[in-house]
């Protein structure tokens, strides 16, 4: 399983996303992969990502198992389910 957070630094939501990512790392020991949509436009186009931040949980084949879009971030336990 692969969990990716796609967001832009320097936006009004960036601080909230960074705090969420740090809380996940501190509480679980796992680090969520991050991606800038400007440098990975083809990835975003492939998965039809147009709203930021977006968190995707992908299986080993690249299929989306879960996604969370927008400023309302998921609970750590929801994301942890797909990390483990």
PDB file of N, CA and C in Angstrom:
ATOM      1  N   UNK A   1       0.839  -1.176   0.000  1.00  0.00           N
ATOM      2  CA  UNK A   1       0.000   0.000   0.000  1.00  0.00           C
ATOM      3  C   UNK A   1       0.886   1.242   0.000  1.00  0.00           C
ATOM      4  N   UNK A   2       0.409   2.237  -0.660  1.00  0.00           N
ATOM      5  CA  UNK A   2       1.144   3.499  -0.760  1.00  0.00           C
ATOM      6  C   UNK A   2       0.166   4.631  -0.436  1.00  0.00           C
ATOM      7  N   UNK A   3       0.526   5.494   0.506  1.00  0.00           N
ATOM      8  CA  UNK A   3      -0.310   6.633   0.868  1.00  0.00           C
ATOM      9  C   UNK A   3       0.455   7.895   0.492  1.00  0.00           C
ATOM     10  N   UNK A   4      -0.207   8.755  -0.273  1.00  0.00           N
ATOM     11  CA  UNK A   4       0.424   9.970  -0.797  1.00  0.00           C
ATOM     12  C   UNK A   4      -0.439  11.171  -0.466  1.00  0.00           C
ATOM     13  N   UNK A   5       0.194  12.235  -0.028  1.00  0.00           N
ATOM     14  CA  UNK A   5      -0.493  13.503   0.211  1.00  0.00           C
ATOM     15  C   UNK A   5      -0.036  14.493  -0.861  1.00  0.00           C
ATOM     16  N   UNK A   6      -0.975  14.960  -1.665  1.00  0.00           N
ATOM     17  CA  UNK A   6      -0.670  15.899  -2.743  1.00  0.00           C
ATOM     18  C   UNK A   6      -1.159  17.276  -2.310  1.00  0.00           C
ATOM     19  N   UNK A   7      -0.234  18.208  -2.197  1.00  0.00           N
ATOM     20  CA  UNK A   7      -0.592  19.567  -1.797  1.00  0.00           C
ATOM     21  C   UNK A   7       0.489  20.542  -2.207  1.00  0.00           C
ATOM     22  N   UNK A   8       0.144  21.824  -2.178  1.00  0.00           N
ATOM     23  CA  UNK A   8       1.092  22.884  -2.507  1.00  0.00           C
ATOM     24  C   UNK A   8       1.551  23.581  -1.229  1.00  0.00           C
ATOM     25  N   UNK A   9       2.848  23.793  -1.115  1.00  0.00           N
ATOM     26  CA  UNK A   9       3.384  24.571  -0.002  1.00  0.00           C
ATOM     27  C   UNK A   9       3.011  26.036  -0.194  1.00  0.00           C
ATOM     28  N   UNK A  10       2.891  26.748   0.899  1.00  0.00           N
ATOM     29  CA  UNK A  10       2.639  28.182   0.836  1.00  0.00           C
ATOM     30  C   UNK A  10       1.180  28.555   0.624  1.00  0.00           C
ATOM     31  N   UNK A  11       0.278  27.598   0.744  1.00  0.00           N
ATOM     32  CA  UNK A  11      -1.145  27.875   0.619  1.00  0.00           C
ATOM     33  C   UNK A  11      -1.759  28.028   2.008  1.00  0.00           C
ATOM     34  N   UNK A  12      -2.995  28.484   2.054  1.00  0.00           N
ATOM     35  CA  UNK A  12      -3.639  28.694   3.351  1.00  0.00           C
ATOM     36  C   UNK A  12      -3.823  27.402   4.139  1.00  0.00           C
ATOM     37  N   UNK A  13      -3.851  26.266   3.488  1.00  0.00           N
ATOM     38  CA  UNK A  13      -4.041  24.975   4.150  1.00  0.00           C
ATOM     39  C   UNK A  13      -2.720  24.274   4.477  1.00  0.00           C
ATOM     40  N   UNK A  14      -1.594  24.798   4.022  1.00  0.00           N
ATOM     41  CA  UNK A  14      -0.301  24.108   4.147  1.00  0.00           C
ATOM     42  C   UNK A  14       0.087  23.821   5.593  1.00  0.00           C
ATOM     43  N   UNK A  15      -0.162  24.762   6.474  1.00  0.00           N
ATOM     44  CA  UNK A  15       0.218  24.565   7.879  1.00  0.00           C
ATOM     45  C   UNK A  15      -0.573  23.398   8.484  1.00  0.00           C
ATOM     46  N   UNK A  16      -1.852  23.341   8.192  1.00  0.00           N
ATOM     47  CA  UNK A  16      -2.690  22.261   8.697  1.00  0.00           C
ATOM     48  C   UNK A  16      -2.216  20.910   8.176  1.00  0.00           C
ATOM     49  N   UNK A  17      -1.873  20.859   6.887  1.00  0.00           N
ATOM     50  CA  UNK A  17      -1.398  19.608   6.292  1.00  0.00           C
ATOM     51  C   UNK A  17      -0.066  19.199   6.912  1.00  0.00           C
ATOM     52  N   UNK A  18       0.849  20.127   7.058  1.00  0.00           N
ATOM     53  CA  UNK A  18       2.148  19.809   7.656  1.00  0.00           C
ATOM     54  C   UNK A  18       2.003  19.311   9.093  1.00  0.00           C
ATOM     55  N   UNK A  19       1.096  19.912   9.852  1.00  0.00           N
ATOM     56  CA  UNK A  19       0.852  19.457  11.219  1.00  0.00           C
ATOM     57  C   UNK A  19       0.260  18.045  11.215  1.00  0.00           C
ATOM     58  N   UNK A  20      -0.656  17.776  10.299  1.00  0.00           N
ATOM     59  CA  UNK A  20      -1.246  16.441  10.190  1.00  0.00           C
ATOM     60  C   UNK A  20      -0.170  15.412   9.866  1.00  0.00           C
ATOM     61  N   UNK A  21       0.673  15.707   8.880  1.00  0.00           N
ATOM     62  CA  UNK A  21       1.740  14.781   8.497  1.00  0.00           C
ATOM     63  C   UNK A  21       2.701  14.525   9.650  1.00  0.00           C
ATOM     64  N   UNK A  22       3.024  15.571  10.392  1.00  0.00           N
ATOM     65  CA  UNK A  22       3.924  15.423  11.539  1.00  0.00           C
ATOM     66  C   UNK A  22       3.261  14.609  12.644  1.00  0.00           C
ATOM     67  N   UNK A  23       1.975  14.832  12.877  1.00  0.00           N
ATOM     68  CA  UNK A  23       1.256  14.051  13.892  1.00  0.00           C
ATOM     69  C   UNK A  23       1.200  12.572  13.515  1.00  0.00           C
ATOM     70  N   UNK A  24       0.986  12.276  12.248  1.00  0.00           N
ATOM     71  CA  UNK A  24       0.996  10.879  11.790  1.00  0.00           C
ATOM     72  C   UNK A  24       2.356  10.262  12.060  1.00  0.00           C
ATOM     73  N   UNK A  25       3.413  10.988  11.720  1.00  0.00           N
ATOM     74  CA  UNK A  25       4.766  10.466  11.920  1.00  0.00           C
ATOM     75  C   UNK A  25       5.063  10.230  13.403  1.00  0.00           C
ATOM     76  N   UNK A  26       4.707  11.204  14.255  1.00  0.00           N
ATOM     77  CA  UNK A  26       4.994  11.076  15.684  1.00  0.00           C
ATOM     78  C   UNK A  26       4.179   9.970  16.344  1.00  0.00           C
ATOM     79  N   UNK A  27       2.903   9.856  15.987  1.00  0.00           N
ATOM     80  CA  UNK A  27       2.028   8.900  16.662  1.00  0.00           C
ATOM     81  C   UNK A  27       2.156   7.473  16.140  1.00  0.00           C
ATOM     82  N   UNK A  28       2.545   7.317  14.889  1.00  0.00           N
ATOM     83  CA  UNK A  28       2.575   5.976  14.304  1.00  0.00           C
ATOM     84  C   UNK A  28       3.966   5.511  13.892  1.00  0.00           C
ATOM     85  N   UNK A  29       4.867   6.452  13.684  1.00  0.00           N
ATOM     86  CA  UNK A  29       6.199   6.093  13.202  1.00  0.00           C
ATOM     87  C   UNK A  29       6.277   5.980  11.694  1.00  0.00           C
ATOM     88  N   UNK A  30       5.157   6.163  11.000  1.00  0.00           N
ATOM     89  CA  UNK A  30       5.122   6.085   9.548  1.00  0.00           C
ATOM     90  C   UNK A  30       5.135   7.489   8.948  1.00  0.00           C
ATOM     91  N   UNK A  31       5.814   7.614   7.833  1.00  0.00           N
ATOM     92  CA  UNK A  31       5.884   8.891   7.135  1.00  0.00           C
ATOM     93  C   UNK A  31       5.069   8.782   5.848  1.00  0.00           C
ATOM     94  N   UNK A  32       4.125   9.703   5.682  1.00  0.00           N
ATOM     95  CA  UNK A  32       3.308   9.729   4.475  1.00  0.00           C
ATOM     96  C   UNK A  32       4.090  10.436   3.379  1.00  0.00           C
ATOM     97  N   UNK A  33       4.101   9.834   2.210  1.00  0.00           N
ATOM     98  CA  UNK A  33       4.773  10.426   1.052  1.00  0.00           C
ATOM     99  C   UNK A  33       4.035  11.702   0.641  1.00  0.00           C
ATOM    100  N   UNK A  34       4.792  12.738   0.295  1.00  0.00           N
ATOM    101  CA  UNK A  34       4.191  13.996  -0.158  1.00  0.00           C
ATOM    102  C   UNK A  34       4.547  14.248  -1.615  1.00  0.00           C
ATOM    103  N   UNK A  35       3.696  15.024  -2.278  1.00  0.00           N
ATOM    104  CA  UNK A  35       3.909  15.300  -3.692  1.00  0.00           C
ATOM    105  C   UNK A  35       3.392  16.696  -4.015  1.00  0.00           C
ATOM    106  N   UNK A  36       4.155  17.423  -4.813  1.00  0.00           N
ATOM    107  CA  UNK A  36       3.747  18.740  -5.300  1.00  0.00           C
ATOM    108  C   UNK A  36       3.030  18.551  -6.634  1.00  0.00           C
ATOM    109  N   UNK A  37       1.793  19.035  -6.742  1.00  0.00           N
ATOM    110  CA  UNK A  37       1.051  18.825  -7.991  1.00  0.00           C
ATOM    111  C   UNK A  37       1.648  19.553  -9.190  1.00  0.00           C
ATOM    112  N   UNK A  38       2.412  20.605  -8.958  1.00  0.00           N
ATOM    113  CA  UNK A  38       3.014  21.346 -10.069  1.00  0.00           C
ATOM    114  C   UNK A  38       4.159  20.584 -10.716  1.00  0.00           C
ATOM    115  N   UNK A  39       4.879  19.809  -9.935  1.00  0.00           N
ATOM    116  CA  UNK A  39       5.995  19.045 -10.495  1.00  0.00           C
ATOM    117  C   UNK A  39       5.580  17.634 -10.897  1.00  0.00           C
ATOM    118  N   UNK A  40       4.377  17.225 -10.546  1.00  0.00           N
ATOM    119  CA  UNK A  40       3.876  15.884 -10.873  1.00  0.00           C
ATOM    120  C   UNK A  40       2.507  15.979 -11.536  1.00  0.00           C
ATOM    121  N   UNK A  41       2.405  16.829 -12.536  1.00  0.00           N
ATOM    122  CA  UNK A  41       1.125  17.079 -13.197  1.00  0.00           C
ATOM    123  C   UNK A  41       0.555  15.820 -13.851  1.00  0.00           C
ATOM    124  N   UNK A  42       1.398  14.982 -14.415  1.00  0.00           N
ATOM    125  CA  UNK A  42       0.898  13.771 -15.076  1.00  0.00           C
ATOM    126  C   UNK A  42       0.273  12.812 -14.065  1.00  0.00           C
ATOM    127  N   UNK A  43       0.863  12.706 -12.881  1.00  0.00           N
ATOM    128  CA  UNK A  43       0.297  11.865 -11.820  1.00  0.00           C
ATOM    129  C   UNK A  43      -1.085  12.388 -11.442  1.00  0.00           C
ATOM    130  N   UNK A  44      -1.194  13.689 -11.259  1.00  0.00           N
ATOM    131  CA  UNK A  44      -2.470  14.301 -10.884  1.00  0.00           C
ATOM    132  C   UNK A  44      -3.518  14.125 -11.978  1.00  0.00           C
ATOM    133  N   UNK A  45      -3.097  14.215 -13.211  1.00  0.00           N
ATOM    134  CA  UNK A  45      -4.024  14.026 -14.325  1.00  0.00           C
ATOM    135  C   UNK A  45      -4.496  12.575 -14.387  1.00  0.00           C
ATOM    136  N   UNK A  46      -3.593  11.635 -14.161  1.00  0.00           N
ATOM    137  CA  UNK A  46      -3.929  10.214 -14.182  1.00  0.00           C
ATOM    138  C   UNK A  46      -5.004   9.882 -13.145  1.00  0.00           C
ATOM    139  N   UNK A  47      -4.862  10.447 -11.940  1.00  0.00           N
ATOM    140  CA  UNK A  47      -5.798  10.151 -10.860  1.00  0.00           C
ATOM    141  C   UNK A  47      -6.879  11.217 -10.705  1.00  0.00           C
ATOM    142  N   UNK A  48      -6.970  12.139 -11.660  1.00  0.00           N
ATOM    143  CA  UNK A  48      -7.998  13.180 -11.683  1.00  0.00           C
ATOM    144  C   UNK A  48      -8.032  13.987 -10.383  1.00  0.00           C
ATOM    145  N   UNK A  49      -6.864  14.459  -9.990  1.00  0.00           N
ATOM    146  CA  UNK A  49      -6.744  15.249  -8.771  1.00  0.00           C
ATOM    147  C   UNK A  49      -6.764  16.718  -9.148  1.00  0.00           C
ATOM    148  N   UNK A  50      -7.796  17.414  -8.716  1.00  0.00           N
ATOM    149  CA  UNK A  50      -7.932  18.831  -9.020  1.00  0.00           C
ATOM    150  C   UNK A  50      -8.174  19.671  -7.773  1.00  0.00           C
ATOM    151  N   UNK A  51      -8.313  19.007  -6.628  1.00  0.00           N
ATOM    152  CA  UNK A  51      -8.551  19.708  -5.371  1.00  0.00           C
ATOM    153  C   UNK A  51      -7.422  19.370  -4.406  1.00  0.00           C
ATOM    154  N   UNK A  52      -6.927  20.374  -3.729  1.00  0.00           N
ATOM    155  CA  UNK A  52      -5.797  20.174  -2.814  1.00  0.00           C
ATOM    156  C   UNK A  52      -6.170  20.667  -1.439  1.00  0.00           C
ATOM    157  N   UNK A  53      -5.707  20.019  -0.402  1.00  0.00           N
ATOM    158  CA  UNK A  53      -4.893  18.804  -0.409  1.00  0.00           C
ATOM    159  C   UNK A  53      -5.730  17.570  -0.724  1.00  0.00           C
ATOM    160  N   UNK A  54      -5.078  16.573  -1.267  1.00  0.00           N
ATOM    161  CA  UNK A  54      -5.685  15.271  -1.526  1.00  0.00           C
ATOM    162  C   UNK A  54      -4.770  14.197  -0.957  1.00  0.00           C
ATOM    163  N   UNK A  55      -5.363  13.239  -0.266  1.00  0.00           N
ATOM    164  CA  UNK A  55      -4.608  12.094   0.234  1.00  0.00           C
ATOM    165  C   UNK A  55      -5.157  10.864  -0.468  1.00  0.00           C
ATOM    166  N   UNK A  56      -4.256  10.114  -1.094  1.00  0.00           N
ATOM    167  CA  UNK A  56      -4.635   8.898  -1.811  1.00  0.00           C
ATOM    168  C   UNK A  56      -4.009   7.679  -1.145  1.00  0.00           C
ATOM    169  N   UNK A  57      -4.778   6.614  -1.062  1.00  0.00           N
ATOM    170  CA  UNK A  57      -4.255   5.313  -0.651  1.00  0.00           C
ATOM    171  C   UNK A  57      -4.321   4.426  -1.884  1.00  0.00           C
ATOM    172  N   UNK A  58      -3.156   4.019  -2.372  1.00  0.00           N
ATOM    173  CA  UNK A  58      -3.068   3.207  -3.589  1.00  0.00           C
ATOM    174  C   UNK A  58      -2.601   1.807  -3.232  1.00  0.00           C
ATOM    175  N   UNK A  59      -3.170   0.804  -3.903  1.00  0.00           N
ATOM    176  CA  UNK A  59      -2.685  -0.555  -3.691  1.00  0.00           C
ATOM    177  C   UNK A  59      -1.451  -0.791  -4.566  1.00  0.00           C
ATOM    178  N   UNK A  60      -0.932  -1.990  -4.542  1.00  0.00           N
ATOM    179  CA  UNK A  60       0.304  -2.298  -5.266  1.00  0.00           C
ATOM    180  C   UNK A  60       0.152  -2.192  -6.782  1.00  0.00           C
ATOM    181  N   UNK A  61      -1.075  -2.263  -7.283  1.00  0.00           N
ATOM    182  CA  UNK A  61      -1.335  -2.138  -8.718  1.00  0.00           C
ATOM    183  C   UNK A  61      -1.596  -0.697  -9.142  1.00  0.00           C
ATOM    184  N   UNK A  62      -1.630   0.222  -8.179  1.00  0.00           N
ATOM    185  CA  UNK A  62      -1.886   1.618  -8.486  1.00  0.00           C
ATOM    186  C   UNK A  62      -3.351   1.997  -8.460  1.00  0.00           C
ATOM    187  N   UNK A  63      -4.212   1.076  -8.042  1.00  0.00           N
ATOM    188  CA  UNK A  63      -5.640   1.371  -7.933  1.00  0.00           C
ATOM    189  C   UNK A  63      -5.916   2.140  -6.647  1.00  0.00           C
ATOM    190  N   UNK A  64      -6.822   3.088  -6.732  1.00  0.00           N
ATOM    191  CA  UNK A  64      -7.176   3.899  -5.564  1.00  0.00           C
ATOM    192  C   UNK A  64      -8.047   3.070  -4.627  1.00  0.00           C
ATOM    193  N   UNK A  65      -7.596   2.904  -3.403  1.00  0.00           N
ATOM    194  CA  UNK A  65      -8.359   2.184  -2.379  1.00  0.00           C
ATOM    195  C   UNK A  65      -9.184   3.153  -1.544  1.00  0.00           C
ATOM    196  N   UNK A  66      -8.651   4.373  -1.333  1.00  0.00           N
ATOM    197  CA  UNK A  66      -9.361   5.410  -0.581  1.00  0.00           C
ATOM    198  C   UNK A  66      -8.783   6.764  -0.962  1.00  0.00           C
ATOM    199  N   UNK A  67      -9.605   7.786  -0.833  1.00  0.00           N
ATOM    200  CA  UNK A  67      -9.106   9.137  -1.084  1.00  0.00           C
ATOM    201  C   UNK A  67      -9.849  10.127  -0.200  1.00  0.00           C
ATOM    202  N   UNK A  68      -9.144  11.152   0.167  1.00  0.00           N
ATOM    203  CA  UNK A  68      -9.704  12.248   0.944  1.00  0.00           C
ATOM    204  C   UNK A  68      -9.297  13.522   0.242  1.00  0.00           C
ATOM    205  N   UNK A  69     -10.273  14.368  -0.043  1.00  0.00           N
ATOM    206  CA  UNK A  69     -10.006  15.597  -0.790  1.00  0.00           C
ATOM    207  C   UNK A  69     -10.505  16.801  -0.022  1.00  0.00           C
ATOM    208  N   UNK A  70      -9.764  17.888  -0.145  1.00  0.00           N
ATOM    209  CA  UNK A  70     -10.190  19.134   0.471  1.00  0.00           C
ATOM    210  C   UNK A  70      -9.532  19.382   1.812  1.00  0.00           C
ATOM    211  N   UNK A  71      -9.906  20.494   2.407  1.00  0.00           N
ATOM    212  CA  UNK A  71      -9.251  20.951   3.634  1.00  0.00           C
ATOM    213  C   UNK A  71      -9.600  20.125   4.860  1.00  0.00           C
ATOM    214  N   UNK A  72     -10.681  19.358   4.812  1.00  0.00           N
ATOM    215  CA  UNK A  72     -11.034  18.502   5.937  1.00  0.00           C
ATOM    216  C   UNK A  72     -10.228  17.212   5.826  1.00  0.00           C
ATOM    217  N   UNK A  73      -9.228  17.097   6.674  1.00  0.00           N
ATOM    218  CA  UNK A  73      -8.325  15.943   6.628  1.00  0.00           C
ATOM    219  C   UNK A  73      -8.924  14.759   7.383  1.00  0.00           C
ATOM    220  N   UNK A  74      -8.543  13.551   7.015  1.00  0.00           N
ATOM    221  CA  UNK A  74      -9.079  12.357   7.692  1.00  0.00           C
ATOM    222  C   UNK A  74      -8.476  12.188   9.078  1.00  0.00           C
ATOM    223  N   UNK A  75      -9.041  11.271   9.835  1.00  0.00           N
ATOM    224  CA  UNK A  75      -8.457  10.900  11.113  1.00  0.00           C
ATOM    225  C   UNK A  75      -7.199  10.078  10.857  1.00  0.00           C
ATOM    226  N   UNK A  76      -6.275  10.130  11.774  1.00  0.00           N
ATOM    227  CA  UNK A  76      -5.031   9.379  11.627  1.00  0.00           C
ATOM    228  C   UNK A  76      -5.322   7.884  11.500  1.00  0.00           C
ATOM    229  N   UNK A  77      -6.281   7.374  12.263  1.00  0.00           N
ATOM    230  CA  UNK A  77      -6.618   5.944  12.195  1.00  0.00           C
ATOM    231  C   UNK A  77      -7.139   5.540  10.833  1.00  0.00           C
ATOM    232  N   UNK A  78      -7.871   6.427  10.166  1.00  0.00           N
ATOM    233  CA  UNK A  78      -8.380   6.115   8.837  1.00  0.00           C
ATOM    234  C   UNK A  78      -7.239   5.914   7.846  1.00  0.00           C
ATOM    235  N   UNK A  79      -6.237   6.774   7.939  1.00  0.00           N
ATOM    236  CA  UNK A  79      -5.087   6.673   7.040  1.00  0.00           C
ATOM    237  C   UNK A  79      -4.192   5.509   7.445  1.00  0.00           C
ATOM    238  N   UNK A  80      -4.032   5.304   8.724  1.00  0.00           N
ATOM    239  CA  UNK A  80      -3.165   4.237   9.230  1.00  0.00           C
ATOM    240  C   UNK A  80      -3.638   2.866   8.745  1.00  0.00           C
ATOM    241  N   UNK A  81      -4.929   2.694   8.601  1.00  0.00           N
ATOM    242  CA  UNK A  81      -5.482   1.428   8.094  1.00  0.00           C
ATOM    243  C   UNK A  81      -4.854   1.050   6.744  1.00  0.00           C
ATOM    244  N   UNK A  82      -4.608   2.046   5.901  1.00  0.00           N
ATOM    245  CA  UNK A  82      -4.058   1.779   4.576  1.00  0.00           C
ATOM    246  C   UNK A  82      -2.527   1.753   4.565  1.00  0.00           C
ATOM    247  N   UNK A  83      -1.911   2.304   5.570  1.00  0.00           N
ATOM    248  CA  UNK A  83      -0.445   2.275   5.658  1.00  0.00           C
ATOM    249  C   UNK A  83       0.030   0.894   6.093  1.00  0.00           C
ATOM    250  N   UNK A  84      -0.672   0.310   7.033  1.00  0.00           N
ATOM    251  CA  UNK A  84      -0.258  -0.992   7.605  1.00  0.00           C
ATOM    252  C   UNK A  84      -0.650  -2.134   6.714  1.00  0.00           C
TER     253      UNK A  84
END
